[in-house]
Amino acid sequence: MVKPKVLIAKKIPKDVEEYIAKHCDYEIWSDDKKANYNTIIDKIHDVEGILMPPIRVDENFLEHAPKLNIISNVSVGYNNFDIEAMKKRNIIGTNTPEVLNNTVADLIFGLIIASARRISELDRYVKEGNWEKGDDEIFFGKDIYKSSLGIIGMGRIGQCVAKRAKLGFDMDVYYHNRNKRYDIEDSLGARYLELDSLLGTCDFVVLMTPLTDETYHLMDDDKFSKMKKDAIFINASRGKTVDEDALIRALQNNKILAAGLDVYEQEPVSSHSPLLKMKNVITLPHIASSTEKTRNKMAMAAAQNLVQGICGEMPKDVVPELRD
């Protein structure tokens, strides 16, 4: 029996490769440089499935892959998919939710703590030889314990953040979401607020929405002006959910106290961005899911989705817009 052919467009753990090999004939990306749009479309003319990072999938991409049945993203995000183009060709698209929930929630809380207690800033202060006896008030940070946390987007990761906040730091948890989450309200005492009320109430605001037409630049000048002046803003969702220029203005004009960022409108973030020169901003290189254990689990989940789709089954993690 001839096995279906797939392209594995990123390096993956050996056990994941061996799992795919049981079910598929495959070509695997072996170059030290990461695959990109142009290098992938040169290799997909005869493949039925692709496992890849979230590289753009558009009409041109799909025209280069007439036999394609499934694209398996190794990521929770899938805004790289042209949903309508894939629907037209009956192509399945999957992602890897759930696997990374707790890892991302850990990173978000790391940003909260580091921003509030100025950990990166004061680490540099000591290493640069500036610490002298008598320094005290200049090191003051912001308390987290028993403060208030607002979560915009109470999905799986938002729930994990809420648990850490309530059970670990006894915080008052508020949230804004498309739908009220009565289960989270019952289990953690979280309270639903309209967005403007949440922004004006909370000491820490965590943005965890997916990127859609409705959430593009959700946080703009108006929204930042609604926040408390001593509030800290955290973004580990998608860079384009924030008007970055508006965030810079809010920080420069002391409209908010600080920010902790893992994502940006342009990635990698421009070396000229004012964000990189601000002591009260923590800038991470989009690493929320970056642990070996989690990335390996993501790769296996993506492989299982790929194999299920290529073998005629409905994969576990079909993205919502492409489900029947």
Protein backbone atom coordinates (compact mmCIF):
# COMPACT_ATOMS: atom_id res chain seq x y z
CA MET A 1 0.00 0.00 0.00
CA VAL A 2 1.36 3.41 -1.01
CA LYS A 3 1.69 5.78 1.90
CA PRO A 4 0.49 9.39 1.49
CA LYS A 5 3.28 11.93 1.05
CA VAL A 6 3.71 14.78 3.49
CA LEU A 7 6.15 17.60 4.06
CA ILE A 8 7.53 18.24 7.54
CA ALA A 9 8.61 21.87 7.22
CA LYS A 10 10.45 22.20 10.51
CA LYS A 11 12.81 20.22 12.67
CA ILE A 12 10.99 17.87 15.04
CA PRO A 13 11.98 15.37 17.74
CA LYS A 14 13.03 11.92 16.53
CA ASP A 15 10.08 10.14 18.15
CA VAL A 16 7.68 12.48 16.35
CA GLU A 17 9.40 11.81 13.03
CA GLU A 18 9.22 8.06 13.68
CA TYR A 19 5.50 8.33 14.43
CA ILE A 20 4.85 10.09 11.11
CA ALA A 21 7.06 7.57 9.28
CA LYS A 22 4.74 4.73 10.34
CA HIS A 23 1.90 6.29 8.40
CA CYS A 24 3.37 8.54 5.71
CA ASP A 25 6.07 8.89 3.11
CA TYR A 26 7.72 12.18 4.02
CA GLU A 27 10.31 14.80 3.32
CA ILE A 28 11.65 16.63 6.37
CA TRP A 29 13.21 20.07 6.59
CA SER A 30 16.90 19.64 7.38
CA ASP A 31 18.39 23.04 6.55
CA ASP A 32 19.79 25.06 9.46
CA LYS A 33 17.76 28.03 8.23
CA LYS A 34 14.05 28.00 9.06
CA ALA A 35 11.60 27.20 6.30
CA ASN A 36 9.71 30.16 4.88
CA TYR A 37 6.89 30.80 2.44
CA ASN A 38 9.05 30.64 -0.69
CA THR A 39 11.04 27.59 0.31
CA ILE A 40 7.91 25.66 1.22
CA ILE A 41 5.95 26.31 -1.98
CA ASP A 42 8.85 24.86 -3.96
CA LYS A 43 8.32 21.52 -2.19
CA ILE A 44 4.55 20.99 -2.03
CA HIS A 45 3.43 20.23 -5.59
CA ASP A 46 2.83 16.53 -4.80
CA VAL A 47 2.17 16.43 -1.04
CA GLU A 48 -1.13 15.60 0.65
CA GLY A 49 -0.23 17.04 4.03
CA ILE A 50 2.08 19.61 5.59
CA LEU A 51 3.31 19.98 9.16
CA MET A 52 4.74 23.45 9.65
CA PRO A 53 5.16 26.56 11.78
CA PRO A 54 2.52 29.27 11.22
CA ILE A 55 3.68 30.40 7.77
CA ARG A 56 1.20 32.26 5.55
CA VAL A 57 -1.24 30.08 3.62
CA ASP A 58 -2.94 31.98 0.80
CA GLU A 59 -4.35 31.35 -2.69
CA ASN A 60 -0.90 31.27 -4.27
CA PHE A 61 0.38 28.83 -1.66
CA LEU A 62 -2.55 26.48 -2.25
CA GLU A 63 -2.23 26.67 -6.03
CA HIS A 64 1.24 25.14 -5.62
CA ALA A 65 -0.26 22.15 -3.75
CA PRO A 66 -3.07 20.62 -5.85
CA LYS A 67 -3.07 17.34 -3.88
CA LEU A 68 -3.13 18.95 -0.44
CA ASN A 69 -5.67 17.70 2.13
CA ILE A 70 -4.40 19.01 5.47
CA ILE A 71 -2.14 21.67 6.96
CA SER A 72 -1.07 21.04 10.55
CA ASN A 73 0.24 24.12 12.37
CA VAL A 74 2.71 23.58 15.20
CA SER A 75 1.22 26.49 17.12
CA VAL A 76 -1.92 27.51 18.95
CA GLY A 77 -2.40 30.41 16.54
CA TYR A 78 -3.76 29.96 13.04
CA ASN A 79 -4.20 33.47 11.68
CA ASN A 80 -1.74 32.39 8.96
CA PHE A 81 -4.62 30.43 7.37
CA ASP A 82 -6.68 31.97 4.58
CA ILE A 83 -9.84 30.30 5.84
CA GLU A 84 -11.99 31.00 2.78
CA ALA A 85 -9.35 29.73 0.36
CA MET A 86 -8.96 26.55 2.39
CA LYS A 87 -12.74 26.06 2.61
CA LYS A 88 -13.02 26.38 -1.15
CA ARG A 89 -10.56 23.51 -1.58
CA ASN A 90 -11.86 21.43 1.36
CA ILE A 91 -8.47 21.59 3.05
CA ILE A 92 -8.35 20.79 6.76
CA GLY A 93 -6.40 23.14 9.03
CA THR A 94 -5.33 22.24 12.56
CA ASN A 95 -3.44 23.83 15.44
CA THR A 96 -2.10 22.71 18.83
CA PRO A 97 -4.21 24.19 21.64
CA GLU A 98 -4.22 22.98 25.26
CA VAL A 99 -0.71 21.51 25.13
CA LEU A 100 0.89 24.85 25.98
CA ASN A 101 -1.69 26.31 28.36
CA ASN A 102 0.26 26.01 31.60
CA THR A 103 3.62 26.87 30.07
CA VAL A 104 2.23 30.10 28.65
CA ALA A 105 0.44 30.90 31.92
CA ASP A 106 3.75 30.48 33.77
CA LEU A 107 5.40 32.97 31.41
CA ILE A 108 2.56 35.46 31.84
CA PHE A 109 2.95 35.33 35.58
CA GLY A 110 6.67 35.74 35.14
CA LEU A 111 5.97 38.95 33.23
CA ILE A 112 3.60 40.13 35.95
CA ILE A 113 6.13 39.54 38.72
CA ALA A 114 9.12 40.86 36.78
CA SER A 115 7.26 44.02 35.74
CA ALA A 116 5.83 44.70 39.17
CA ARG A 117 9.08 44.15 41.05
CA ARG A 118 11.27 45.62 38.28
CA ILE A 119 13.41 42.50 38.19
CA SER A 120 15.08 43.02 34.81
CA GLU A 121 15.72 46.70 35.46
CA LEU A 122 17.24 46.15 38.90
CA ASP A 123 19.26 43.16 37.74
CA ARG A 124 20.96 45.47 35.24
CA TYR A 125 21.33 48.13 37.96
CA VAL A 126 23.35 45.76 40.12
CA LYS A 127 25.41 44.28 37.28
CA GLU A 128 26.34 47.75 36.06
CA GLY A 129 27.81 48.54 39.49
CA ASN A 130 25.25 51.16 40.50
CA TRP A 131 24.14 49.62 43.82
CA GLU A 132 25.30 51.57 46.85
CA LYS A 133 24.43 51.37 50.54
CA GLY A 134 21.57 53.62 51.46
CA ASP A 135 19.58 52.96 48.29
CA ASP A 136 16.03 51.99 49.20
CA GLU A 137 13.05 53.90 47.87
CA ILE A 138 14.47 53.93 44.35
CA PHE A 139 13.97 50.15 44.31
CA PHE A 140 10.28 50.23 45.20
CA GLY A 141 8.01 48.09 43.07
CA LYS A 142 4.33 47.21 43.04
CA ASP A 143 2.64 44.57 45.20
CA ILE A 144 1.01 41.62 43.48
CA TYR A 145 -0.46 39.77 46.47
CA LYS A 146 -4.09 40.79 47.07
CA SER A 147 -4.05 43.21 44.14
CA SER A 148 -6.46 43.00 41.18
CA LEU A 149 -6.00 41.25 37.86
CA GLY A 150 -8.06 41.82 34.72
CA ILE A 151 -7.95 39.17 31.99
CA ILE A 152 -9.16 40.13 28.52
CA GLY A 153 -9.98 36.81 26.88
CA MET A 154 -10.92 34.05 29.32
CA GLY A 155 -9.96 31.08 27.18
CA ARG A 156 -7.91 28.07 28.27
CA ILE A 157 -4.76 30.07 29.00
CA GLY A 158 -6.73 32.85 30.66
CA GLN A 159 -8.24 30.27 33.01
CA CYS A 160 -4.77 28.99 33.94
CA VAL A 161 -3.65 32.55 34.65
CA ALA A 162 -6.76 33.16 36.75
CA LYS A 163 -6.02 30.07 38.87
CA ARG A 164 -2.48 31.22 39.56
CA ALA A 165 -3.72 34.68 40.44
CA LYS A 166 -6.48 33.57 42.81
CA LEU A 167 -4.96 30.49 44.42
CA GLY A 168 -1.34 31.62 44.47
CA PHE A 169 -1.61 35.37 45.08
CA ASP A 170 -5.12 35.83 46.49
CA MET A 171 -5.84 38.41 43.79
CA ASP A 172 -9.25 39.77 42.88
CA VAL A 173 -9.80 38.37 39.39
CA TYR A 174 -11.90 40.18 36.79
CA TYR A 175 -12.40 39.20 33.18
CA HIS A 176 -13.87 40.34 29.90
CA ASN A 177 -14.86 37.77 27.31
CA ARG A 178 -17.29 37.31 24.43
CA ASN A 179 -19.30 34.99 26.68
CA LYS A 180 -19.57 34.95 30.44
CA ARG A 181 -17.71 32.07 32.07
CA TYR A 182 -19.92 31.04 34.94
CA ASP A 183 -17.68 28.03 35.67
CA ILE A 184 -14.73 30.34 36.36
CA GLU A 185 -16.93 32.66 38.37
CA ASP A 186 -18.08 29.74 40.51
CA SER A 187 -14.70 28.06 40.97
CA LEU A 188 -12.48 31.12 41.42
CA GLY A 189 -14.83 33.95 42.28
CA ALA A 190 -13.88 35.78 39.09
CA ARG A 191 -16.15 38.67 38.14
CA TYR A 192 -17.20 39.69 34.64
CA LEU A 193 -16.76 43.35 33.72
CA GLU A 194 -17.32 45.32 30.55
CA LEU A 195 -13.96 46.16 28.99
CA ASP A 196 -13.79 49.83 29.99
CA SER A 197 -14.74 48.98 33.58
CA LEU A 198 -12.09 46.28 33.75
CA LEU A 199 -9.43 48.66 32.47
CA GLY A 200 -10.34 51.26 35.08
CA THR A 201 -10.47 48.75 37.93
CA CYS A 202 -7.43 46.50 37.67
CA ASP A 203 -3.84 46.83 38.86
CA PHE A 204 -2.70 44.37 36.19
CA VAL A 205 -4.29 43.89 32.76
CA VAL A 206 -3.45 40.74 30.78
CA LEU A 207 -4.46 40.62 27.12
CA MET A 208 -5.13 37.04 25.94
CA THR A 209 -7.43 37.39 22.92
CA PRO A 210 -6.90 35.74 19.54
CA LEU A 211 -6.24 38.04 16.59
CA THR A 212 -9.43 38.67 14.61
CA ASP A 213 -10.91 41.60 12.72
CA GLU A 214 -12.64 42.59 15.97
CA THR A 215 -9.51 42.38 18.15
CA TYR A 216 -7.06 44.08 15.78
CA HIS A 217 -5.71 47.11 17.72
CA LEU A 218 -8.18 46.35 20.51
CA MET A 219 -5.86 48.21 22.85
CA ASP A 220 -5.53 51.72 21.43
CA ASP A 221 -5.11 55.26 22.79
CA ASP A 222 -8.64 55.28 24.14
CA LYS A 223 -8.28 51.96 25.95
CA PHE A 224 -4.91 52.81 27.49
CA SER A 225 -6.37 56.11 28.73
CA LYS A 226 -8.98 54.08 30.65
CA MET A 227 -6.32 52.20 32.65
CA LYS A 228 -5.13 53.25 36.09
CA LYS A 229 -1.92 55.29 36.05
CA ASP A 230 -0.20 52.76 38.30
CA ALA A 231 -1.44 49.76 36.28
CA ILE A 232 0.77 47.29 34.42
CA PHE A 233 -0.14 45.96 30.97
CA ILE A 234 0.83 42.44 29.86
CA ASN A 235 0.52 41.10 26.33
CA ALA A 236 1.22 37.48 25.45
CA SER A 237 -1.54 37.06 22.87
CA ARG A 238 -0.81 38.49 19.41
CA GLY A 239 1.17 41.64 18.70
CA LYS A 240 -1.44 43.18 16.43
CA THR A 241 -4.11 43.13 19.12
CA VAL A 242 -2.27 46.22 20.41
CA ASP A 243 -1.70 49.54 18.66
CA GLU A 244 1.98 49.61 19.53
CA ASP A 245 2.34 53.34 18.93
CA ALA A 246 -0.52 53.91 21.37
CA LEU A 247 1.20 51.71 23.95
CA ILE A 248 4.43 53.67 23.52
CA ARG A 249 2.55 56.95 24.00
CA ALA A 250 0.84 55.62 27.12
CA LEU A 251 4.19 54.66 28.62
CA GLN A 252 5.98 57.84 27.59
CA ASN A 253 3.19 60.03 28.98
CA ASN A 254 2.86 58.05 32.24
CA LYS A 255 -0.67 56.93 31.43
CA ILE A 256 0.29 53.48 32.73
CA LEU A 257 3.11 52.34 34.99
CA ALA A 258 4.80 49.57 33.00
CA ALA A 259 4.40 46.78 30.45
CA GLY A 260 5.51 43.20 30.00
CA LEU A 261 5.55 42.05 26.37
CA ASP A 262 6.17 38.75 24.60
CA VAL A 263 4.63 39.75 21.25
CA TYR A 264 4.84 42.75 18.91
CA GLU A 265 3.24 44.19 15.80
CA GLN A 266 6.45 43.46 13.92
CA GLU A 267 8.47 40.38 14.83
CA PRO A 268 11.33 40.46 15.49
CA VAL A 269 10.68 43.85 17.07
CA SER A 270 12.51 46.69 15.35
CA SER A 271 15.84 47.60 16.94
CA HIS A 272 14.67 51.22 16.69
CA SER A 273 11.51 50.67 18.76
CA PRO A 274 11.27 53.02 21.75
CA LEU A 275 10.08 50.02 23.76
CA LEU A 276 13.63 48.69 23.84
CA LYS A 277 14.91 51.81 25.57
CA MET A 278 12.28 51.93 28.33
CA LYS A 279 13.35 50.68 31.76
CA ASN A 280 9.74 49.99 32.72
CA VAL A 281 9.11 47.63 29.79
CA ILE A 282 10.12 43.97 29.70
CA THR A 283 10.61 42.74 26.14
CA LEU A 284 10.78 38.99 25.48
CA PRO A 285 11.30 37.34 22.06
CA HIS A 286 7.91 35.57 21.74
CA ILE A 287 8.88 32.66 23.99
CA ALA A 288 5.66 31.91 25.87
CA SER A 289 5.62 28.22 24.92
CA SER A 290 9.40 27.84 24.73
CA THR A 291 10.27 24.90 26.91
CA GLU A 292 11.63 21.67 25.47
CA LYS A 293 8.88 19.57 27.00
CA THR A 294 6.06 21.75 25.71
CA ARG A 295 7.50 22.23 22.23
CA ASN A 296 7.98 18.47 21.89
CA LYS A 297 4.39 17.88 23.00
CA MET A 298 3.22 20.48 20.47
CA ALA A 299 5.13 18.71 17.70
CA MET A 300 3.56 15.36 18.61
CA ALA A 301 0.07 16.88 18.78
CA ALA A 302 0.61 18.42 15.34
CA ALA A 303 1.86 15.07 14.01
CA GLN A 304 -1.21 13.27 15.36
CA ASN A 305 -3.46 15.85 13.72
CA LEU A 306 -1.57 15.40 10.45
CA VAL A 307 -1.80 11.61 10.49
CA GLN A 308 -5.48 11.59 11.43
CA GLY A 309 -6.30 13.98 8.59
CA ILE A 310 -4.15 12.24 6.02
CA CYS A 311 -5.71 8.86 6.91
CA GLY A 312 -9.27 10.09 6.43
CA GLU A 313 -10.16 10.71 10.07
CA MET A 314 -11.28 14.02 11.53
CA PRO A 315 -8.31 15.42 13.49
CA LYS A 316 -8.80 16.36 17.12
CA ASP A 317 -7.72 19.97 16.68
CA VAL A 318 -9.41 21.26 13.54
CA VAL A 319 -9.61 25.03 13.84
CA PRO A 320 -13.18 26.21 14.57
CA GLU A 321 -13.75 28.03 11.27
CA LEU A 322 -12.97 24.86 9.29
CA ARG A 323 -15.10 22.42 11.22
CA ASP A 324 -18.19 21.02 9.49
